[in-house]
Amino acid sequence: MKKVIMVASVCAMLLIAQDGFSQAAQETKAAKKEMKAEKKMAKARELNTNAATGKGVEVAGVSDPNTRNAKADRKMEKAQKKVIKADAKELKAAAKDKKKQAAGVN
């Protein structure tokens, strides 16, 4: 009987620890997505300034200012999508935490 109680308590402890770990992993993923978004935004800003000033590698007939601005705009759109995804991850993590608190798991 004692062995059954011991095994059950160990399993319960592992489940509780796993929930805390999954919450930390969720928050880490959100932070990672936010860092990627910031990096993409910085790259897009750099491409915009390079297109405006004519700085950087320029290939005749291929990299005219319009093409360079279009590339910078595409980068900015992708960066904005990353920002939205990062915000969604943060909201998901917060919602998961609130749901656990409401259920009394914490």
PDB file of N, CA and C in Angstrom:
ATOM      1  N   MET A   1       0.813  -1.187   0.000  1.00  0.00           N
ATOM      2  CA  MET A   1       0.000   0.000   0.000  1.00  0.00           C
ATOM      3  C   MET A   1       0.863   1.260   0.000  1.00  0.00           C
ATOM      4  N   LYS A   2       1.951   1.215   0.804  1.00  0.00           N
ATOM      5  CA  LYS A   2       2.838   2.370   0.863  1.00  0.00           C
ATOM      6  C   LYS A   2       3.479   2.641  -0.491  1.00  0.00           C
ATOM      7  N   LYS A   3       3.822   1.567  -1.208  1.00  0.00           N
ATOM      8  CA  LYS A   3       4.452   1.734  -2.518  1.00  0.00           C
ATOM      9  C   LYS A   3       3.504   2.411  -3.494  1.00  0.00           C
ATOM     10  N   VAL A   4       2.249   2.063  -3.449  1.00  0.00           N
ATOM     11  CA  VAL A   4       1.252   2.661  -4.338  1.00  0.00           C
ATOM     12  C   VAL A   4       1.115   4.150  -4.043  1.00  0.00           C
ATOM     13  N   ILE A   5       1.078   4.507  -2.775  1.00  0.00           N
ATOM     14  CA  ILE A   5       0.968   5.910  -2.374  1.00  0.00           C
ATOM     15  C   ILE A   5       2.225   6.678  -2.796  1.00  0.00           C
ATOM     16  N   MET A   6       3.383   6.071  -2.625  1.00  0.00           N
ATOM     17  CA  MET A   6       4.643   6.711  -3.026  1.00  0.00           C
ATOM     18  C   MET A   6       4.666   6.961  -4.528  1.00  0.00           C
ATOM     19  N   VAL A   7       4.296   5.951  -5.309  1.00  0.00           N
ATOM     20  CA  VAL A   7       4.298   6.084  -6.768  1.00  0.00           C
ATOM     21  C   VAL A   7       3.309   7.154  -7.195  1.00  0.00           C
ATOM     22  N   ALA A   8       2.136   7.181  -6.590  1.00  0.00           N
ATOM     23  CA  ALA A   8       1.124   8.176  -6.927  1.00  0.00           C
ATOM     24  C   ALA A   8       1.608   9.585  -6.595  1.00  0.00           C
ATOM     25  N   SER A   9       2.258   9.750  -5.465  1.00  0.00           N
ATOM     26  CA  SER A   9       2.749  11.072  -5.080  1.00  0.00           C
ATOM     27  C   SER A   9       3.888  11.527  -5.998  1.00  0.00           C
ATOM     28  N   VAL A  10       4.758  10.611  -6.386  1.00  0.00           N
ATOM     29  CA  VAL A  10       5.842  10.955  -7.312  1.00  0.00           C
ATOM     30  C   VAL A  10       5.265  11.376  -8.665  1.00  0.00           C
ATOM     31  N   CYS A  11       4.266  10.633  -9.149  1.00  0.00           N
ATOM     32  CA  CYS A  11       3.626  10.979 -10.422  1.00  0.00           C
ATOM     33  C   CYS A  11       2.967  12.351 -10.354  1.00  0.00           C
ATOM     34  N   ALA A  12       2.304  12.628  -9.237  1.00  0.00           N
ATOM     35  CA  ALA A  12       1.658  13.932  -9.056  1.00  0.00           C
ATOM     36  C   ALA A  12       2.683  15.060  -9.057  1.00  0.00           C
ATOM     37  N   MET A  13       3.811  14.836  -8.376  1.00  0.00           N
ATOM     38  CA  MET A  13       4.865  15.847  -8.339  1.00  0.00           C
ATOM     39  C   MET A  13       5.435  16.094  -9.727  1.00  0.00           C
ATOM     40  N   LEU A  14       5.632  15.041 -10.489  1.00  0.00           N
ATOM     41  CA  LEU A  14       6.158  15.191 -11.850  1.00  0.00           C
ATOM     42  C   LEU A  14       5.194  15.961 -12.740  1.00  0.00           C
ATOM     43  N   LEU A  15       3.911  15.700 -12.596  1.00  0.00           N
ATOM     44  CA  LEU A  15       2.918  16.419 -13.388  1.00  0.00           C
ATOM     45  C   LEU A  15       2.900  17.902 -13.053  1.00  0.00           C
ATOM     46  N   ILE A  16       2.997  18.221 -11.781  1.00  0.00           N
ATOM     47  CA  ILE A  16       3.016  19.627 -11.360  1.00  0.00           C
ATOM     48  C   ILE A  16       4.269  20.312 -11.879  1.00  0.00           C
ATOM     49  N   ALA A  17       5.404  19.653 -11.785  1.00  0.00           N
ATOM     50  CA  ALA A  17       6.663  20.236 -12.269  1.00  0.00           C
ATOM     51  C   ALA A  17       6.608  20.443 -13.773  1.00  0.00           C
ATOM     52  N   GLN A  18       5.974  19.524 -14.479  1.00  0.00           N
ATOM     53  CA  GLN A  18       5.883  19.640 -15.940  1.00  0.00           C
ATOM     54  C   GLN A  18       5.032  20.844 -16.329  1.00  0.00           C
ATOM     55  N   ASP A  19       3.952  21.129 -15.587  1.00  0.00           N
ATOM     56  CA  ASP A  19       3.120  22.288 -15.873  1.00  0.00           C
ATOM     57  C   ASP A  19       3.919  23.579 -15.712  1.00  0.00           C
ATOM     58  N   GLY A  20       4.699  23.666 -14.652  1.00  0.00           N
ATOM     59  CA  GLY A  20       5.537  24.853 -14.449  1.00  0.00           C
ATOM     60  C   GLY A  20       6.571  24.990 -15.532  1.00  0.00           C
ATOM     61  N   PHE A  21       7.128  23.884 -15.952  1.00  0.00           N
ATOM     62  CA  PHE A  21       8.125  23.913 -17.018  1.00  0.00           C
ATOM     63  C   PHE A  21       7.500  24.346 -18.337  1.00  0.00           C
ATOM     64  N   SER A  22       6.302  23.865 -18.631  1.00  0.00           N
ATOM     65  CA  SER A  22       5.660  24.234 -19.890  1.00  0.00           C
ATOM     66  C   SER A  22       5.326  25.722 -19.909  1.00  0.00           C
ATOM     67  N   GLN A  23       4.966  26.279 -18.758  1.00  0.00           N
ATOM     68  CA  GLN A  23       4.694  27.718 -18.682  1.00  0.00           C
ATOM     69  C   GLN A  23       5.971  28.516 -18.949  1.00  0.00           C
ATOM     70  N   ALA A  24       7.075  28.083 -18.370  1.00  0.00           N
ATOM     71  CA  ALA A  24       8.355  28.764 -18.600  1.00  0.00           C
ATOM     72  C   ALA A  24       8.769  28.642 -20.060  1.00  0.00           C
ATOM     73  N   ALA A  25       8.542  27.479 -20.651  1.00  0.00           N
ATOM     74  CA  ALA A  25       8.877  27.285 -22.062  1.00  0.00           C
ATOM     75  C   ALA A  25       8.040  28.199 -22.943  1.00  0.00           C
ATOM     76  N   GLN A  26       6.773  28.370 -22.593  1.00  0.00           N
ATOM     77  CA  GLN A  26       5.874  29.244 -23.359  1.00  0.00           C
ATOM     78  C   GLN A  26       6.379  30.686 -23.319  1.00  0.00           C
ATOM     79  N   GLU A  27       6.789  31.137 -22.145  1.00  0.00           N
ATOM     80  CA  GLU A  27       7.288  32.498 -22.000  1.00  0.00           C
ATOM     81  C   GLU A  27       8.608  32.677 -22.738  1.00  0.00           C
ATOM     82  N   THR A  28       9.439  31.647 -22.736  1.00  0.00           N
ATOM     83  CA  THR A  28      10.705  31.709 -23.456  1.00  0.00           C
ATOM     84  C   THR A  28      10.462  31.817 -24.958  1.00  0.00           C
ATOM     85  N   LYS A  29       9.499  31.059 -25.461  1.00  0.00           N
ATOM     86  CA  LYS A  29       9.162  31.131 -26.884  1.00  0.00           C
ATOM     87  C   LYS A  29       8.675  32.522 -27.255  1.00  0.00           C
ATOM     88  N   ALA A  30       7.885  33.126 -26.393  1.00  0.00           N
ATOM     89  CA  ALA A  30       7.390  34.475 -26.660  1.00  0.00           C
ATOM     90  C   ALA A  30       8.543  35.472 -26.714  1.00  0.00           C
ATOM     91  N   ALA A  31       9.485  35.350 -25.781  1.00  0.00           N
ATOM     92  CA  ALA A  31      10.639  36.252 -25.774  1.00  0.00           C
ATOM     93  C   ALA A  31      11.499  36.056 -27.017  1.00  0.00           C
ATOM     94  N   LYS A  32      11.657  34.814 -27.435  1.00  0.00           N
ATOM     95  CA  LYS A  32      12.459  34.511 -28.619  1.00  0.00           C
ATOM     96  C   LYS A  32      11.811  35.108 -29.867  1.00  0.00           C
ATOM     97  N   LYS A  33      10.493  34.985 -29.990  1.00  0.00           N
ATOM     98  CA  LYS A  33       9.789  35.553 -31.135  1.00  0.00           C
ATOM     99  C   LYS A  33       9.910  37.072 -31.134  1.00  0.00           C
ATOM    100  N   GLU A  34       9.864  37.665 -29.957  1.00  0.00           N
ATOM    101  CA  GLU A  34       9.995  39.116 -29.871  1.00  0.00           C
ATOM    102  C   GLU A  34      11.387  39.574 -30.312  1.00  0.00           C
ATOM    103  N   MET A  35      12.411  38.827 -29.920  1.00  0.00           N
ATOM    104  CA  MET A  35      13.776  39.167 -30.329  1.00  0.00           C
ATOM    105  C   MET A  35      13.923  39.056 -31.848  1.00  0.00           C
ATOM    106  N   LYS A  36      13.349  38.010 -32.441  1.00  0.00           N
ATOM    107  CA  LYS A  36      13.409  37.847 -33.890  1.00  0.00           C
ATOM    108  C   LYS A  36      12.698  38.997 -34.585  1.00  0.00           C
ATOM    109  N   ALA A  37      11.570  39.416 -34.038  1.00  0.00           N
ATOM    110  CA  ALA A  37      10.815  40.524 -34.621  1.00  0.00           C
ATOM    111  C   ALA A  37      11.631  41.810 -34.586  1.00  0.00           C
ATOM    112  N   GLU A  38      12.274  42.066 -33.449  1.00  0.00           N
ATOM    113  CA  GLU A  38      13.100  43.271 -33.340  1.00  0.00           C
ATOM    114  C   GLU A  38      14.255  43.236 -34.337  1.00  0.00           C
ATOM    115  N   LYS A  39      14.847  42.070 -34.515  1.00  0.00           N
ATOM    116  CA  LYS A  39      15.959  41.928 -35.454  1.00  0.00           C
ATOM    117  C   LYS A  39      15.486  42.204 -36.885  1.00  0.00           C
ATOM    118  N   LYS A  40      14.327  41.678 -37.241  1.00  0.00           N
ATOM    119  CA  LYS A  40      13.790  41.900 -38.585  1.00  0.00           C
ATOM    120  C   LYS A  40      13.429  43.366 -38.801  1.00  0.00           C
ATOM    121  N   MET A  41      12.898  44.017 -37.769  1.00  0.00           N
ATOM    122  CA  MET A  41      12.566  45.440 -37.879  1.00  0.00           C
ATOM    123  C   MET A  41      13.825  46.266 -38.112  1.00  0.00           C
ATOM    124  N   ALA A  42      14.878  45.938 -37.394  1.00  0.00           N
ATOM    125  CA  ALA A  42      16.136  46.660 -37.557  1.00  0.00           C
ATOM    126  C   ALA A  42      16.689  46.481 -38.975  1.00  0.00           C
ATOM    127  N   LYS A  43      16.607  45.263 -39.499  1.00  0.00           N
ATOM    128  CA  LYS A  43      17.083  44.988 -40.854  1.00  0.00           C
ATOM    129  C   LYS A  43      16.260  45.762 -41.881  1.00  0.00           C
ATOM    130  N   ALA A  44      14.948  45.815 -41.679  1.00  0.00           N
ATOM    131  CA  ALA A  44      14.076  46.547 -42.598  1.00  0.00           C
ATOM    132  C   ALA A  44      14.388  48.043 -42.572  1.00  0.00           C
ATOM    133  N   ARG A  45      14.631  48.580 -41.370  1.00  0.00           N
ATOM    134  CA  ARG A  45      14.995  50.003 -41.272  1.00  0.00           C
ATOM    135  C   ARG A  45      16.311  50.272 -41.984  1.00  0.00           C
ATOM    136  N   GLU A  46      17.263  49.356 -41.817  1.00  0.00           N
ATOM    137  CA  GLU A  46      18.562  49.502 -42.478  1.00  0.00           C
ATOM    138  C   GLU A  46      18.393  49.491 -43.999  1.00  0.00           C
ATOM    139  N   LEU A  47      17.585  48.579 -44.511  1.00  0.00           N
ATOM    140  CA  LEU A  47      17.351  48.527 -45.957  1.00  0.00           C
ATOM    141  C   LEU A  47      16.668  49.793 -46.459  1.00  0.00           C
ATOM    142  N   ASN A  48      15.748  50.337 -45.661  1.00  0.00           N
ATOM    143  CA  ASN A  48      15.088  51.591 -46.047  1.00  0.00           C
ATOM    144  C   ASN A  48      16.089  52.734 -46.153  1.00  0.00           C
ATOM    145  N   THR A  49      16.961  52.848 -45.158  1.00  0.00           N
ATOM    146  CA  THR A  49      17.950  53.928 -45.194  1.00  0.00           C
ATOM    147  C   THR A  49      18.955  53.712 -46.321  1.00  0.00           C
ATOM    148  N   ASN A  50      19.337  52.458 -46.565  1.00  0.00           N
ATOM    149  CA  ASN A  50      20.251  52.177 -47.668  1.00  0.00           C
ATOM    150  C   ASN A  50      19.617  52.542 -49.007  1.00  0.00           C
ATOM    151  N   ALA A  51      18.337  52.261 -49.173  1.00  0.00           N
ATOM    152  CA  ALA A  51      17.646  52.594 -50.421  1.00  0.00           C
ATOM    153  C   ALA A  51      17.535  54.102 -50.587  1.00  0.00           C
ATOM    154  N   ALA A  52      17.305  54.807 -49.482  1.00  0.00           N
ATOM    155  CA  ALA A  52      17.159  56.262 -49.548  1.00  0.00           C
ATOM    156  C   ALA A  52      18.483  56.953 -49.839  1.00  0.00           C
ATOM    157  N   THR A  53      19.566  56.440 -49.276  1.00  0.00           N
ATOM    158  CA  THR A  53      20.863  57.103 -49.432  1.00  0.00           C
ATOM    159  C   THR A  53      21.693  56.535 -50.577  1.00  0.00           C
ATOM    160  N   GLY A  54      21.257  55.413 -51.136  1.00  0.00           N
ATOM    161  CA  GLY A  54      22.022  54.783 -52.215  1.00  0.00           C
ATOM    162  C   GLY A  54      23.226  54.032 -51.699  1.00  0.00           C
ATOM    163  N   LYS A  55      23.225  53.728 -50.423  1.00  0.00           N
ATOM    164  CA  LYS A  55      24.343  53.031 -49.802  1.00  0.00           C
ATOM    165  C   LYS A  55      24.181  51.529 -49.989  1.00  0.00           C
ATOM    166  N   GLY A  56      25.265  50.796 -49.942  1.00  0.00           N
ATOM    167  CA  GLY A  56      25.212  49.346 -50.037  1.00  0.00           C
ATOM    168  C   GLY A  56      25.519  48.850 -51.436  1.00  0.00           C
ATOM    169  N   VAL A  57      25.401  47.552 -51.624  1.00  0.00           N
ATOM    170  CA  VAL A  57      25.699  46.940 -52.911  1.00  0.00           C
ATOM    171  C   VAL A  57      24.595  47.300 -53.903  1.00  0.00           C
ATOM    172  N   GLU A  58      24.994  47.777 -55.061  1.00  0.00           N
ATOM    173  CA  GLU A  58      24.018  48.155 -56.073  1.00  0.00           C
ATOM    174  C   GLU A  58      24.402  47.502 -57.386  1.00  0.00           C
ATOM    175  N   VAL A  59      23.488  46.749 -57.951  1.00  0.00           N
ATOM    176  CA  VAL A  59      23.719  46.069 -59.217  1.00  0.00           C
ATOM    177  C   VAL A  59      22.986  46.857 -60.296  1.00  0.00           C
ATOM    178  N   ALA A  60      23.682  47.233 -61.344  1.00  0.00           N
ATOM    179  CA  ALA A  60      23.096  48.050 -62.407  1.00  0.00           C
ATOM    180  C   ALA A  60      21.911  47.326 -63.050  1.00  0.00           C
ATOM    181  N   GLY A  61      20.796  48.033 -63.145  1.00  0.00           N
ATOM    182  CA  GLY A  61      19.614  47.477 -63.786  1.00  0.00           C
ATOM    183  C   GLY A  61      18.796  46.560 -62.896  1.00  0.00           C
ATOM    184  N   VAL A  62      19.321  46.166 -61.768  1.00  0.00           N
ATOM    185  CA  VAL A  62      18.592  45.248 -60.887  1.00  0.00           C
ATOM    186  C   VAL A  62      18.176  45.946 -59.604  1.00  0.00           C
ATOM    187  N   SER A  63      19.080  46.684 -59.024  1.00  0.00           N
ATOM    188  CA  SER A  63      18.797  47.277 -57.715  1.00  0.00           C
ATOM    189  C   SER A  63      18.577  48.784 -57.810  1.00  0.00           C
ATOM    190  N   ASP A  64      17.602  49.188 -58.602  1.00  0.00           N
ATOM    191  CA  ASP A  64      17.237  50.597 -58.637  1.00  0.00           C
ATOM    192  C   ASP A  64      16.506  50.956 -57.335  1.00  0.00           C
ATOM    193  N   PRO A  65      16.345  52.228 -57.040  1.00  0.00           N
ATOM    194  CA  PRO A  65      15.729  52.614 -55.760  1.00  0.00           C
ATOM    195  C   PRO A  65      14.339  52.002 -55.523  1.00  0.00           C
ATOM    196  N   ASN A  66      13.536  51.873 -56.585  1.00  0.00           N
ATOM    197  CA  ASN A  66      12.197  51.294 -56.409  1.00  0.00           C
ATOM    198  C   ASN A  66      12.286  49.844 -55.958  1.00  0.00           C
ATOM    199  N   THR A  67      13.178  49.086 -56.558  1.00  0.00           N
ATOM    200  CA  THR A  67      13.347  47.678 -56.185  1.00  0.00           C
ATOM    201  C   THR A  67      13.847  47.562 -54.757  1.00  0.00           C
ATOM    202  N   ARG A  68      14.775  48.418 -54.401  1.00  0.00           N
ATOM    203  CA  ARG A  68      15.325  48.378 -53.045  1.00  0.00           C
ATOM    204  C   ARG A  68      14.276  48.764 -52.011  1.00  0.00           C
ATOM    205  N   ASN A  69      13.450  49.757 -52.355  1.00  0.00           N
ATOM    206  CA  ASN A  69      12.369  50.147 -51.447  1.00  0.00           C
ATOM    207  C   ASN A  69      11.337  49.026 -51.318  1.00  0.00           C
ATOM    208  N   ALA A  70      11.049  48.339 -52.417  1.00  0.00           N
ATOM    209  CA  ALA A  70      10.099  47.227 -52.373  1.00  0.00           C
ATOM    210  C   ALA A  70      10.625  46.115 -51.484  1.00  0.00           C
ATOM    211  N   LYS A  71      11.921  45.835 -51.584  1.00  0.00           N
ATOM    212  CA  LYS A  71      12.521  44.803 -50.732  1.00  0.00           C
ATOM    213  C   LYS A  71      12.435  45.208 -49.268  1.00  0.00           C
ATOM    214  N   ALA A  72      12.708  46.477 -48.989  1.00  0.00           N
ATOM    215  CA  ALA A  72      12.624  46.967 -47.611  1.00  0.00           C
ATOM    216  C   ALA A  72      11.185  46.878 -47.093  1.00  0.00           C
ATOM    217  N   ASP A  73      10.218  47.182 -47.966  1.00  0.00           N
ATOM    218  CA  ASP A  73       8.812  47.090 -47.565  1.00  0.00           C
ATOM    219  C   ASP A  73       8.417  45.645 -47.247  1.00  0.00           C
ATOM    220  N   ARG A  74       8.884  44.699 -48.055  1.00  0.00           N
ATOM    221  CA  ARG A  74       8.601  43.282 -47.794  1.00  0.00           C
ATOM    222  C   ARG A  74       9.195  42.854 -46.449  1.00  0.00           C
ATOM    223  N   LYS A  75      10.426  43.298 -46.197  1.00  0.00           N
ATOM    224  CA  LYS A  75      11.069  42.973 -44.912  1.00  0.00           C
ATOM    225  C   LYS A  75      10.263  43.553 -43.753  1.00  0.00           C
ATOM    226  N   MET A  76       9.775  44.776 -43.922  1.00  0.00           N
ATOM    227  CA  MET A  76       9.014  45.431 -42.860  1.00  0.00           C
ATOM    228  C   MET A  76       7.700  44.683 -42.614  1.00  0.00           C
ATOM    229  N   GLU A  77       7.035  44.230 -43.678  1.00  0.00           N
ATOM    230  CA  GLU A  77       5.798  43.463 -43.513  1.00  0.00           C
ATOM    231  C   GLU A  77       6.055  42.166 -42.753  1.00  0.00           C
ATOM    232  N   LYS A  78       7.132  41.482 -43.099  1.00  0.00           N
ATOM    233  CA  LYS A  78       7.471  40.244 -42.400  1.00  0.00           C
ATOM    234  C   LYS A  78       7.800  40.532 -40.939  1.00  0.00           C
ATOM    235  N   ALA A  79       8.478  41.639 -40.693  1.00  0.00           N
ATOM    236  CA  ALA A  79       8.818  42.011 -39.317  1.00  0.00           C
ATOM    237  C   ALA A  79       7.556  42.311 -38.522  1.00  0.00           C
ATOM    238  N   GLN A  80       6.593  42.977 -39.150  1.00  0.00           N
ATOM    239  CA  GLN A  80       5.344  43.269 -38.457  1.00  0.00           C
ATOM    240  C   GLN A  80       4.582  41.988 -38.136  1.00  0.00           C
ATOM    241  N   LYS A  81       4.631  41.016 -39.041  1.00  0.00           N
ATOM    242  CA  LYS A  81       4.001  39.719 -38.774  1.00  0.00           C
ATOM    243  C   LYS A  81       4.675  39.049 -37.578  1.00  0.00           C
ATOM    244  N   LYS A  82       6.005  39.148 -37.495  1.00  0.00           N
ATOM    245  CA  LYS A  82       6.733  38.567 -36.366  1.00  0.00           C
ATOM    246  C   LYS A  82       6.321  39.236 -35.055  1.00  0.00           C
ATOM    247  N   VAL A  83       6.124  40.560 -35.096  1.00  0.00           N
ATOM    248  CA  VAL A  83       5.698  41.285 -33.901  1.00  0.00           C
ATOM    249  C   VAL A  83       4.327  40.782 -33.458  1.00  0.00           C
ATOM    250  N   ILE A  84       3.432  40.598 -34.407  1.00  0.00           N
ATOM    251  CA  ILE A  84       2.091  40.109 -34.085  1.00  0.00           C
ATOM    252  C   ILE A  84       2.163  38.703 -33.496  1.00  0.00           C
ATOM    253  N   LYS A  85       3.008  37.851 -34.089  1.00  0.00           N
ATOM    254  CA  LYS A  85       3.165  36.487 -33.571  1.00  0.00           C
ATOM    255  C   LYS A  85       3.745  36.500 -32.162  1.00  0.00           C
ATOM    256  N   ALA A  86       4.690  37.390 -31.907  1.00  0.00           N
ATOM    257  CA  ALA A  86       5.289  37.487 -30.574  1.00  0.00           C
ATOM    258  C   ALA A  86       4.244  37.925 -29.555  1.00  0.00           C
ATOM    259  N   ASP A  87       3.418  38.909 -29.945  1.00  0.00           N
ATOM    260  CA  ASP A  87       2.355  39.351 -29.048  1.00  0.00           C
ATOM    261  C   ASP A  87       1.360  38.230 -28.781  1.00  0.00           C
ATOM    262  N   ALA A  88       1.057  37.456 -29.823  1.00  0.00           N
ATOM    263  CA  ALA A  88       0.127  36.342 -29.660  1.00  0.00           C
ATOM    264  C   ALA A  88       0.690  35.296 -28.694  1.00  0.00           C
ATOM    265  N   LYS A  89       1.986  35.021 -28.807  1.00  0.00           N
ATOM    266  CA  LYS A  89       2.617  34.053 -27.893  1.00  0.00           C
ATOM    267  C   LYS A  89       2.536  34.553 -26.453  1.00  0.00           C
ATOM    268  N   GLU A  90       2.788  35.851 -26.253  1.00  0.00           N
ATOM    269  CA  GLU A  90       2.729  36.409 -24.903  1.00  0.00           C
ATOM    270  C   GLU A  90       1.304  36.319 -24.345  1.00  0.00           C
ATOM    271  N   LEU A  91       0.331  36.644 -25.183  1.00  0.00           N
ATOM    272  CA  LEU A  91      -1.055  36.563 -24.742  1.00  0.00           C
ATOM    273  C   LEU A  91      -1.451  35.125 -24.426  1.00  0.00           C
ATOM    274  N   LYS A  92      -0.966  34.204 -25.248  1.00  0.00           N
ATOM    275  CA  LYS A  92      -1.273  32.789 -25.019  1.00  0.00           C
ATOM    276  C   LYS A  92      -0.685  32.328 -23.686  1.00  0.00           C
ATOM    277  N   ALA A  93       0.541  32.743 -23.408  1.00  0.00           N
ATOM    278  CA  ALA A  93       1.186  32.366 -22.148  1.00  0.00           C
ATOM    279  C   ALA A  93       0.440  32.968 -20.961  1.00  0.00           C
ATOM    280  N   ALA A  94       0.035  34.227 -21.098  1.00  0.00           N
ATOM    281  CA  ALA A  94      -0.695  34.876 -20.003  1.00  0.00           C
ATOM    282  C   ALA A  94      -2.056  34.212 -19.788  1.00  0.00           C
ATOM    283  N   ALA A  95      -2.727  33.875 -20.885  1.00  0.00           N
ATOM    284  CA  ALA A  95      -4.028  33.219 -20.774  1.00  0.00           C
ATOM    285  C   ALA A  95      -3.899  31.846 -20.127  1.00  0.00           C
ATOM    286  N   LYS A  96      -2.837  31.145 -20.494  1.00  0.00           N
ATOM    287  CA  LYS A  96      -2.604  29.818 -19.914  1.00  0.00           C
ATOM    288  C   LYS A  96      -2.370  29.938 -18.409  1.00  0.00           C
ATOM    289  N   ASP A  97      -1.613  30.953 -18.020  1.00  0.00           N
ATOM    290  CA  ASP A  97      -1.343  31.169 -16.599  1.00  0.00           C
ATOM    291  C   ASP A  97      -2.629  31.505 -15.843  1.00  0.00           C
ATOM    292  N   LYS A  98      -3.459  32.390 -16.420  1.00  0.00           N
ATOM    293  CA  LYS A  98      -4.730  32.771 -15.789  1.00  0.00           C
ATOM    294  C   LYS A  98      -5.656  31.565 -15.677  1.00  0.00           C
ATOM    295  N   LYS A  99      -5.651  30.734 -16.707  1.00  0.00           N
ATOM    296  CA  LYS A  99      -6.510  29.546 -16.704  1.00  0.00           C
ATOM    297  C   LYS A  99      -6.085  28.591 -15.586  1.00  0.00           C
ATOM    298  N   LYS A 100      -4.777  28.455 -15.405  1.00  0.00           N
ATOM    299  CA  LYS A 100      -4.271  27.595 -14.325  1.00  0.00           C
ATOM    300  C   LYS A 100      -4.644  28.158 -12.961  1.00  0.00           C
ATOM    301  N   GLN A 101      -4.515  29.465 -12.812  1.00  0.00           N
ATOM    302  CA  GLN A 101      -4.849  30.088 -11.535  1.00  0.00           C
ATOM    303  C   GLN A 101      -6.337  29.922 -11.234  1.00  0.00           C
ATOM    304  N   ALA A 102      -7.170  30.062 -12.268  1.00  0.00           N
ATOM    305  CA  ALA A 102      -8.614  29.913 -12.070  1.00  0.00           C
ATOM    306  C   ALA A 102      -8.977  28.473 -11.699  1.00  0.00           C
ATOM    307  N   ALA A 103      -8.251  27.529 -12.266  1.00  0.00           N
ATOM    308  CA  ALA A 103      -8.515  26.120 -11.959  1.00  0.00           C
ATOM    309  C   ALA A 103      -7.912  25.708 -10.626  1.00  0.00           C
ATOM    310  N   GLY A 104      -7.032  26.532 -10.095  1.00  0.00           N
ATOM    311  CA  GLY A 104      -6.423  26.238  -8.804  1.00  0.00           C
ATOM    312  C   GLY A 104      -5.276  25.254  -8.912  1.00  0.00           C
ATOM    313  N   VAL A 105      -4.667  25.166 -10.110  1.00  0.00           N
ATOM    314  CA  VAL A 105      -3.556  24.222 -10.319  1.00  0.00           C
ATOM    315  C   VAL A 105      -2.290  24.733  -9.665  1.00  0.00           C
ATOM    316  N   ASN A 106      -2.080  26.044  -9.735  1.00  0.00           N
ATOM    317  CA  ASN A 106      -0.871  26.634  -9.163  1.00  0.00           C
ATOM    318  C   ASN A 106      -0.850  26.385  -7.730  1.00  0.00           C
TER     319      ASN A 106
END
